[in-house]
C-alpha atoms as a PDB file:
ATOM      1  CA  MET A   1      84.434  71.519 -36.814  1.00  0.00           C
ATOM      2  CA  ASP A   2      87.723  71.985 -34.954  1.00  0.00           C
ATOM      3  CA  SER A   3      87.428  75.781 -35.027  1.00  0.00           C
ATOM      4  CA  PHE A   4      83.958  75.618 -33.470  1.00  0.00           C
ATOM      5  CA  SER A   5      85.152  73.167 -30.796  1.00  0.00           C
ATOM      6  CA  GLU A   6      87.967  75.554 -29.880  1.00  0.00           C
ATOM      7  CA  ALA A   7      85.541  78.478 -29.660  1.00  0.00           C
ATOM      8  CA  ASN A   8      82.895  76.588 -27.687  1.00  0.00           C
ATOM      9  CA  GLY A   9      85.303  75.927 -24.799  1.00  0.00           C
ATOM     10  CA  PRO A  10      85.876  79.609 -23.871  1.00  0.00           C
ATOM     11  CA  PHE A  11      82.177  80.295 -24.476  1.00  0.00           C
ATOM     12  CA  ALA A  12      81.167  77.539 -22.042  1.00  0.00           C
ATOM     13  CA  ILE A  13      83.537  78.774 -19.330  1.00  0.00           C
ATOM     14  CA  ASN A  14      82.488  82.419 -19.726  1.00  0.00           C
ATOM     15  CA  LEU A  15      78.827  81.446 -19.612  1.00  0.00           C
ATOM     16  CA  LEU A  16      79.364  79.369 -16.466  1.00  0.00           C
ATOM     17  CA  LYS A  17      80.989  82.346 -14.753  1.00  0.00           C
ATOM     18  CA  LYS A  18      78.086  84.565 -15.799  1.00  0.00           C
ATOM     19  CA  LEU A  19      75.464  82.122 -14.538  1.00  0.00           C
ATOM     20  CA  SER A  20      77.284  81.777 -11.222  1.00  0.00           C
ATOM     21  CA  GLU A  21      78.182  85.394 -10.532  1.00  0.00           C
ATOM     22  CA  LYS A  22      75.172  86.118  -8.286  1.00  0.00           C
ATOM     23  CA  ASP A  23      75.532  82.980  -6.176  1.00  0.00           C
ATOM     24  CA  ASN A  24      78.432  80.648  -6.871  1.00  0.00           C
ATOM     25  CA  SER A  25      77.268  78.214  -4.178  1.00  0.00           C
ATOM     26  CA  GLN A  26      74.400  76.920  -6.313  1.00  0.00           C
ATOM     27  CA  ASN A  27      74.541  74.002  -8.740  1.00  0.00           C
ATOM     28  CA  VAL A  28      74.398  74.974 -12.421  1.00  0.00           C
ATOM     29  CA  VAL A  29      73.392  72.618 -15.230  1.00  0.00           C
ATOM     30  CA  PHE A  30      73.417  73.847 -18.824  1.00  0.00           C
ATOM     31  CA  SER A  31      74.353  72.747 -22.332  1.00  0.00           C
ATOM     32  CA  PRO A  32      76.798  75.122 -24.070  1.00  0.00           C
ATOM     33  CA  LEU A  33      76.228  73.303 -27.357  1.00  0.00           C
ATOM     34  CA  SER A  34      72.458  73.859 -27.175  1.00  0.00           C
ATOM     35  CA  ILE A  35      72.912  77.573 -26.555  1.00  0.00           C
ATOM     36  CA  SER A  36      75.551  77.857 -29.278  1.00  0.00           C
ATOM     37  CA  SER A  37      73.277  76.196 -31.820  1.00  0.00           C
ATOM     38  CA  ALA A  38      70.353  78.458 -30.906  1.00  0.00           C
ATOM     39  CA  LEU A  39      72.552  81.538 -31.247  1.00  0.00           C
ATOM     40  CA  GLY A  40      73.916  80.085 -34.481  1.00  0.00           C
ATOM     41  CA  MET A  41      70.404  80.053 -35.959  1.00  0.00           C
ATOM     42  CA  LEU A  42      69.952  83.634 -34.797  1.00  0.00           C
ATOM     43  CA  PHE A  43      73.320  84.564 -36.289  1.00  0.00           C
ATOM     44  CA  LEU A  44      72.105  83.393 -39.699  1.00  0.00           C
ATOM     45  CA  GLY A  45      69.753  86.359 -39.838  1.00  0.00           C
ATOM     46  CA  ALA A  46      71.779  88.873 -37.820  1.00  0.00           C
ATOM     47  CA  ARG A  47      73.573  91.865 -39.265  1.00  0.00           C
ATOM     48  CA  GLY A  48      75.583  94.842 -38.026  1.00  0.00           C
ATOM     49  CA  ASN A  49      76.060  95.292 -34.287  1.00  0.00           C
ATOM     50  CA  THR A  50      73.866  92.309 -33.412  1.00  0.00           C
ATOM     51  CA  ALA A  51      76.006  89.985 -35.535  1.00  0.00           C
ATOM     52  CA  ALA A  52      79.186  91.463 -34.033  1.00  0.00           C
ATOM     53  CA  GLN A  53      77.932  90.828 -30.501  1.00  0.00           C
ATOM     54  CA  ILE A  54      77.082  87.198 -31.297  1.00  0.00           C
ATOM     55  CA  VAL A  55      80.566  86.707 -32.765  1.00  0.00           C
ATOM     56  CA  LYS A  56      82.089  88.116 -29.576  1.00  0.00           C
ATOM     57  CA  VAL A  57      79.925  86.054 -27.210  1.00  0.00           C
ATOM     58  CA  LEU A  58      80.569  82.795 -29.073  1.00  0.00           C
ATOM     59  CA  SER A  59      84.309  83.539 -29.484  1.00  0.00           C
ATOM     60  CA  LEU A  60      83.992  83.107 -33.250  1.00  0.00           C
ATOM     61  CA  ASN A  61      86.906  85.374 -34.076  1.00  0.00           C
ATOM     62  CA  ARG A  62      89.048  82.231 -34.344  1.00  0.00           C
ATOM     63  CA  GLY A  63      87.897  81.687 -37.920  1.00  0.00           C
ATOM     64  CA  GLY A  64      85.900  78.867 -39.461  1.00  0.00           C
ATOM     65  CA  ASP A  65      82.237  78.656 -40.424  1.00  0.00           C
ATOM     66  CA  ILE A  66      79.995  78.082 -37.413  1.00  0.00           C
ATOM     67  CA  HIS A  67      77.045  76.989 -39.546  1.00  0.00           C
ATOM     68  CA  ARG A  68      78.945  74.305 -41.442  1.00  0.00           C
ATOM     69  CA  ASP A  69      80.726  73.246 -38.258  1.00  0.00           C
ATOM     70  CA  LEU A  70      77.427  72.823 -36.415  1.00  0.00           C
ATOM     71  CA  GLN A  71      75.943  71.014 -39.412  1.00  0.00           C
ATOM     72  CA  ALA A  72      78.797  68.487 -39.288  1.00  0.00           C
ATOM     73  CA  LEU A  73      78.506  68.183 -35.513  1.00  0.00           C
ATOM     74  CA  PHE A  74      74.742  67.546 -35.604  1.00  0.00           C
ATOM     75  CA  THR A  75      75.298  64.818 -38.195  1.00  0.00           C
ATOM     76  CA  GLU A  76      77.837  63.172 -35.898  1.00  0.00           C
ATOM     77  CA  VAL A  77      75.749  63.581 -32.742  1.00  0.00           C
ATOM     78  CA  ASN A  78      72.506  62.277 -34.247  1.00  0.00           C
ATOM     79  CA  LYS A  79      74.046  59.305 -36.051  1.00  0.00           C
ATOM     80  CA  SER A  80      72.464  55.888 -35.594  1.00  0.00           C
ATOM     81  CA  GLY A  81      74.114  52.641 -34.563  1.00  0.00           C
ATOM     82  CA  THR A  82      75.618  53.895 -31.305  1.00  0.00           C
ATOM     83  CA  GLN A  83      75.355  52.212 -27.896  1.00  0.00           C
ATOM     84  CA  HIS A  84      74.074  55.410 -26.331  1.00  0.00           C
ATOM     85  CA  SER A  85      71.169  57.709 -27.077  1.00  0.00           C
ATOM     86  CA  LEU A  86      72.161  61.301 -27.797  1.00  0.00           C
ATOM     87  CA  LYS A  87      69.752  63.395 -29.804  1.00  0.00           C
ATOM     88  CA  MET A  88      69.635  67.098 -30.574  1.00  0.00           C
ATOM     89  CA  ALA A  89      66.804  68.894 -32.298  1.00  0.00           C
ATOM     90  CA  ASN A  90      66.449  72.580 -33.179  1.00  0.00           C
ATOM     91  CA  LYS A  91      63.236  74.364 -33.998  1.00  0.00           C
ATOM     92  CA  LEU A  92      62.128  77.909 -34.775  1.00  0.00           C
ATOM     93  CA  PHE A  93      58.641  79.158 -34.025  1.00  0.00           C
ATOM     94  CA  GLY A  94      57.785  82.465 -35.660  1.00  0.00           C
ATOM     95  CA  GLU A  95      54.848  84.856 -35.626  1.00  0.00           C
ATOM     96  CA  LYS A  96      52.820  83.949 -38.697  1.00  0.00           C
ATOM     97  CA  ALA A  97      51.930  87.579 -39.372  1.00  0.00           C
ATOM     98  CA  TYR A  98      55.628  88.485 -39.551  1.00  0.00           C
ATOM     99  CA  ASN A  99      57.398  88.356 -42.911  1.00  0.00           C
ATOM    100  CA  PHE A 100      60.474  86.172 -42.425  1.00  0.00           C
ATOM    101  CA  LEU A 101      62.818  86.117 -45.423  1.00  0.00           C
ATOM    102  CA  SER A 102      62.636  82.917 -47.438  1.00  0.00           C
ATOM    103  CA  THR A 103      66.446  82.891 -47.673  1.00  0.00           C
ATOM    104  CA  TYR A 104      66.665  82.808 -43.868  1.00  0.00           C
ATOM    105  CA  LYS A 105      64.203  79.932 -43.577  1.00  0.00           C
ATOM    106  CA  GLU A 106      66.030  78.000 -46.294  1.00  0.00           C
ATOM    107  CA  ALA A 107      69.392  78.527 -44.569  1.00  0.00           C
ATOM    108  CA  CYS A 108      67.993  77.243 -41.259  1.00  0.00           C
ATOM    109  CA  GLN A 109      66.745  74.150 -43.059  1.00  0.00           C
ATOM    110  CA  ASN A 110      70.035  73.554 -44.885  1.00  0.00           C
ATOM    111  CA  PHE A 111      72.415  74.063 -41.967  1.00  0.00           C
ATOM    112  CA  TYR A 112      70.349  73.150 -38.914  1.00  0.00           C
ATOM    113  CA  GLY A 113      67.797  70.772 -40.386  1.00  0.00           C
ATOM    114  CA  THR A 114      64.879  72.728 -39.016  1.00  0.00           C
ATOM    115  CA  GLU A 115      61.909  74.537 -40.426  1.00  0.00           C
ATOM    116  CA  LEU A 116      60.336  77.700 -39.122  1.00  0.00           C
ATOM    117  CA  GLU A 117      56.878  76.781 -37.842  1.00  0.00           C
ATOM    118  CA  GLU A 118      54.407  79.640 -37.885  1.00  0.00           C
ATOM    119  CA  LEU A 119      52.276  80.284 -34.799  1.00  0.00           C
ATOM    120  CA  SER A 120      50.034  83.146 -33.754  1.00  0.00           C
ATOM    121  CA  PHE A 121      51.762  84.741 -30.783  1.00  0.00           C
ATOM    122  CA  ALA A 122      49.744  87.921 -31.316  1.00  0.00           C
ATOM    123  CA  ASN A 123      46.325  86.287 -31.006  1.00  0.00           C
ATOM    124  CA  ALA A 124      47.006  83.028 -29.153  1.00  0.00           C
ATOM    125  CA  SER A 125      50.267  83.339 -27.211  1.00  0.00           C
ATOM    126  CA  GLU A 126      49.251  80.873 -24.482  1.00  0.00           C
ATOM    127  CA  GLU A 127      48.243  78.217 -26.997  1.00  0.00           C
ATOM    128  CA  ALA A 128      51.550  78.799 -28.789  1.00  0.00           C
ATOM    129  CA  ARG A 129      53.451  78.360 -25.529  1.00  0.00           C
ATOM    130  CA  LYS A 130      51.742  75.030 -24.838  1.00  0.00           C
ATOM    131  CA  HIS A 131      52.440  73.875 -28.390  1.00  0.00           C
ATOM    132  CA  ILE A 132      56.153  74.655 -28.037  1.00  0.00           C
ATOM    133  CA  ASN A 133      56.310  72.899 -24.660  1.00  0.00           C
ATOM    134  CA  ALA A 134      54.700  69.816 -26.186  1.00  0.00           C
ATOM    135  CA  TRP A 135      57.384  69.750 -28.891  1.00  0.00           C
ATOM    136  CA  ILE A 136      60.157  70.058 -26.299  1.00  0.00           C
ATOM    137  CA  ALA A 137      58.630  67.296 -24.151  1.00  0.00           C
ATOM    138  CA  LYS A 138      58.507  64.952 -27.142  1.00  0.00           C
ATOM    139  CA  LYS A 139      62.112  65.634 -28.137  1.00  0.00           C
ATOM    140  CA  THR A 140      63.417  65.078 -24.589  1.00  0.00           C
ATOM    141  CA  GLU A 141      61.511  61.832 -24.015  1.00  0.00           C
ATOM    142  CA  GLY A 142      59.212  63.611 -21.566  1.00  0.00           C
ATOM    143  CA  LYS A 143      62.100  64.697 -19.317  1.00  0.00           C
ATOM    144  CA  ILE A 144      61.344  68.408 -19.844  1.00  0.00           C
ATOM    145  CA  PRO A 145      57.531  68.701 -19.803  1.00  0.00           C
ATOM    146  CA  GLU A 146      57.331  72.493 -19.418  1.00  0.00           C
ATOM    147  CA  MET A 147      60.340  74.485 -20.512  1.00  0.00           C
ATOM    148  CA  LEU A 148      58.367  77.707 -20.973  1.00  0.00           C
ATOM    149  CA  PRO A 149      56.368  78.701 -17.867  1.00  0.00           C
ATOM    150  CA  THR A 150      52.985  80.430 -17.952  1.00  0.00           C
ATOM    151  CA  CYS A 151      53.071  83.955 -19.411  1.00  0.00           C
ATOM    152  CA  SER A 152      56.661  83.529 -20.644  1.00  0.00           C
ATOM    153  CA  ILE A 153      55.525  84.275 -24.212  1.00  0.00           C
ATOM    154  CA  GLY A 154      53.517  87.425 -24.899  1.00  0.00           C
ATOM    155  CA  PRO A 155      51.625  88.781 -27.907  1.00  0.00           C
ATOM    156  CA  LEU A 156      54.629  90.888 -28.983  1.00  0.00           C
ATOM    157  CA  ALA A 157      56.852  87.834 -29.515  1.00  0.00           C
ATOM    158  CA  LYS A 158      58.156  87.412 -33.048  1.00  0.00           C
ATOM    159  CA  LEU A 159      60.529  84.454 -32.884  1.00  0.00           C
ATOM    160  CA  VAL A 160      61.200  81.640 -30.397  1.00  0.00           C
ATOM    161  CA  LEU A 161      64.303  79.503 -30.839  1.00  0.00           C
ATOM    162  CA  VAL A 162      64.302  76.119 -29.144  1.00  0.00           C
ATOM    163  CA  ASP A 163      66.969  73.461 -28.792  1.00  0.00           C
ATOM    164  CA  GLY A 164      66.143  70.063 -27.345  1.00  0.00           C
ATOM    165  CA  ILE A 165      68.860  67.670 -26.171  1.00  0.00           C
ATOM    166  CA  TYR A 166      68.452  64.182 -24.770  1.00  0.00           C
ATOM    167  CA  PHE A 167      71.115  61.754 -23.564  1.00  0.00           C
ATOM    168  CA  LYS A 168      70.986  58.279 -22.085  1.00  0.00           C
ATOM    169  CA  GLY A 169      73.926  55.950 -21.751  1.00  0.00           C
ATOM    170  CA  LYS A 170      75.398  53.211 -19.580  1.00  0.00           C
ATOM    171  CA  TRP A 171      78.787  53.325 -17.937  1.00  0.00           C
ATOM    172  CA  ASN A 172      81.464  51.223 -19.585  1.00  0.00           C
ATOM    173  CA  GLU A 173      82.405  50.121 -16.066  1.00  0.00           C
ATOM    174  CA  GLN A 174      79.154  49.604 -14.195  1.00  0.00           C
ATOM    175  CA  PHE A 175      78.676  50.773 -10.605  1.00  0.00           C
ATOM    176  CA  GLU A 176      77.266  48.011  -8.395  1.00  0.00           C
ATOM    177  CA  GLU A 177      74.253  49.152  -6.395  1.00  0.00           C
ATOM    178  CA  ASN A 178      75.290  47.238  -3.269  1.00  0.00           C
ATOM    179  CA  TYR A 179      78.516  49.303  -3.093  1.00  0.00           C
ATOM    180  CA  THR A 180      76.598  52.581  -2.751  1.00  0.00           C
ATOM    181  CA  ARG A 181      76.784  53.996   0.750  1.00  0.00           C
ATOM    182  CA  GLU A 182      76.232  57.232   2.619  1.00  0.00           C
ATOM    183  CA  ILE A 183      79.161  59.575   3.120  1.00  0.00           C
ATOM    184  CA  PHE A 184      79.537  63.283   3.784  1.00  0.00           C
ATOM    185  CA  PHE A 185      79.881  65.604   0.794  1.00  0.00           C
ATOM    186  CA  LYS A 186      81.535  69.011   1.177  1.00  0.00           C
ATOM    187  CA  THR A 187      79.696  71.930  -0.426  1.00  0.00           C
ATOM    188  CA  ARG A 188      81.014  75.292  -1.592  1.00  0.00           C
ATOM    189  CA  LYS A 189      79.849  76.838   1.660  1.00  0.00           C
ATOM    190  CA  ASN A 190      82.144  74.437   3.547  1.00  0.00           C
ATOM    191  CA  GLU A 191      79.144  72.558   4.836  1.00  0.00           C
ATOM    192  CA  LYS A 192      79.014  68.765   4.964  1.00  0.00           C
ATOM    193  CA  LYS A 193      75.883  66.975   3.819  1.00  0.00           C
ATOM    194  CA  PRO A 194      75.180  63.224   3.836  1.00  0.00           C
ATOM    195  CA  VAL A 195      74.695  61.834   0.319  1.00  0.00           C
ATOM    196  CA  GLN A 196      74.421  58.409  -1.301  1.00  0.00           C
ATOM    197  CA  MET A 197      77.772  57.945  -3.049  1.00  0.00           C
ATOM    198  CA  MET A 198      78.590  55.288  -5.656  1.00  0.00           C
ATOM    199  CA  PHE A 199      81.899  53.393  -5.444  1.00  0.00           C
ATOM    200  CA  LYS A 200      83.858  51.522  -8.084  1.00  0.00           C
ATOM    201  CA  GLU A 201      87.301  49.945  -8.213  1.00  0.00           C
ATOM    202  CA  ALA A 202      88.607  49.846 -11.803  1.00  0.00           C
ATOM    203  CA  THR A 203      91.205  51.375 -14.136  1.00  0.00           C
ATOM    204  CA  PHE A 204      90.386  54.806 -15.552  1.00  0.00           C
ATOM    205  CA  LYS A 205      92.269  57.576 -17.352  1.00  0.00           C
ATOM    206  CA  MET A 206      93.329  60.188 -14.830  1.00  0.00           C
ATOM    207  CA  THR A 207      95.710  63.133 -14.683  1.00  0.00           C
ATOM    208  CA  TYR A 208      96.612  66.040 -12.448  1.00  0.00           C
ATOM    209  CA  ILE A 209      96.904  69.710 -13.416  1.00  0.00           C
ATOM    210  CA  LYS A 210      99.373  71.285 -11.041  1.00  0.00           C
ATOM    211  CA  GLU A 211      98.530  74.885 -11.992  1.00  0.00           C
ATOM    212  CA  MET A 212      94.903  74.301 -10.972  1.00  0.00           C
ATOM    213  CA  SER A 213      95.598  71.843  -8.132  1.00  0.00           C
ATOM    214  CA  THR A 214      92.957  69.639  -9.701  1.00  0.00           C
ATOM    215  CA  LYS A 215      92.583  65.961 -10.584  1.00  0.00           C
ATOM    216  CA  ILE A 216      90.901  65.105 -13.913  1.00  0.00           C
ATOM    217  CA  LEU A 217      89.056  61.782 -14.250  1.00  0.00           C
ATOM    218  CA  GLU A 218      87.449  60.352 -17.395  1.00  0.00           C
ATOM    219  CA  LEU A 219      84.491  57.979 -17.039  1.00  0.00           C
ATOM    220  CA  PRO A 220      83.632  56.479 -20.464  1.00  0.00           C
ATOM    221  CA  TYR A 221      80.203  55.240 -21.458  1.00  0.00           C
ATOM    222  CA  VAL A 222      79.645  51.920 -23.217  1.00  0.00           C
ATOM    223  CA  GLY A 223      81.346  51.973 -26.601  1.00  0.00           C
ATOM    224  CA  GLU A 224      83.789  54.637 -25.346  1.00  0.00           C
ATOM    225  CA  GLU A 225      82.545  57.174 -27.896  1.00  0.00           C
ATOM    226  CA  LEU A 226      81.465  59.543 -25.117  1.00  0.00           C
ATOM    227  CA  SER A 227      82.799  60.169 -21.638  1.00  0.00           C
ATOM    228  CA  MET A 228      82.038  62.145 -18.521  1.00  0.00           C
ATOM    229  CA  VAL A 229      84.988  64.247 -17.391  1.00  0.00           C
ATOM    230  CA  ILE A 230      85.142  65.009 -13.669  1.00  0.00           C
ATOM    231  CA  MET A 231      87.305  67.727 -12.129  1.00  0.00           C
ATOM    232  CA  LEU A 232      88.204  67.316  -8.448  1.00  0.00           C
ATOM    233  CA  PRO A 233      90.126  70.213  -6.836  1.00  0.00           C
ATOM    234  CA  ASP A 234      92.431  69.532  -3.921  1.00  0.00           C
ATOM    235  CA  GLU A 235      91.174  70.123  -0.409  1.00  0.00           C
ATOM    236  CA  ASN A 236      90.539  73.812   0.397  1.00  0.00           C
ATOM    237  CA  ILE A 237      90.978  74.943  -3.218  1.00  0.00           C
ATOM    238  CA  ASP A 238      88.508  77.666  -4.237  1.00  0.00           C
ATOM    239  CA  LEU A 239      86.423  76.581  -7.243  1.00  0.00           C
ATOM    240  CA  ASN A 240      86.923  80.037  -8.776  1.00  0.00           C
ATOM    241  CA  ARG A 241      90.538  79.069  -9.270  1.00  0.00           C
ATOM    242  CA  VAL A 242      89.469  75.970 -11.209  1.00  0.00           C
ATOM    243  CA  SER A 243      87.026  77.739 -13.503  1.00  0.00           C
END
């Protein structure tokens, strides 16, 4: 699992740069792990140039077995008995008229714990889209009711890979509501906007990276198994330098 963790870091940073290249002033929210797992399922059946491109994108040239690494990670992520709720679920939806290899379907089940559900994209693409959205909504506790917009799946579709992720946790050090107050927040465009900002006085792990002129703060959730890591560049430091 260590080799995958090392590879997923560069992949996440490269993907962030790609998503932000058209307009780096916009907020971007994405899950590198979700995208890696979806591409991992695709990689199971890829060969030749397609497989080589996936290896390059995911930075898998560091060695290791991505499928076994993800299998171990999913087991850890979806374990019970934690004080937070973090669930991941993968699913493949394939055209029922298409002949998917049984070895591929078995490998997806063994490594990713998912089956390939057959739908008729060719004859009922809109119904298939609604069915997939319903599955996503269920897996994300209703937080993502419509991942796939109207007409996003056509009759020529052969395979749809979906990854659902849901997280809910409480801070180990709670923020008191009565300490929240309005202050000005500086945006990338050097504008200042009033926002409701939480405040908390407590002891947290914190460091400073001189090369990036950036403070790093760790905010653990209850149980301290998971944390949110916040990067705060110094005043007037371009975020491109941080990423």
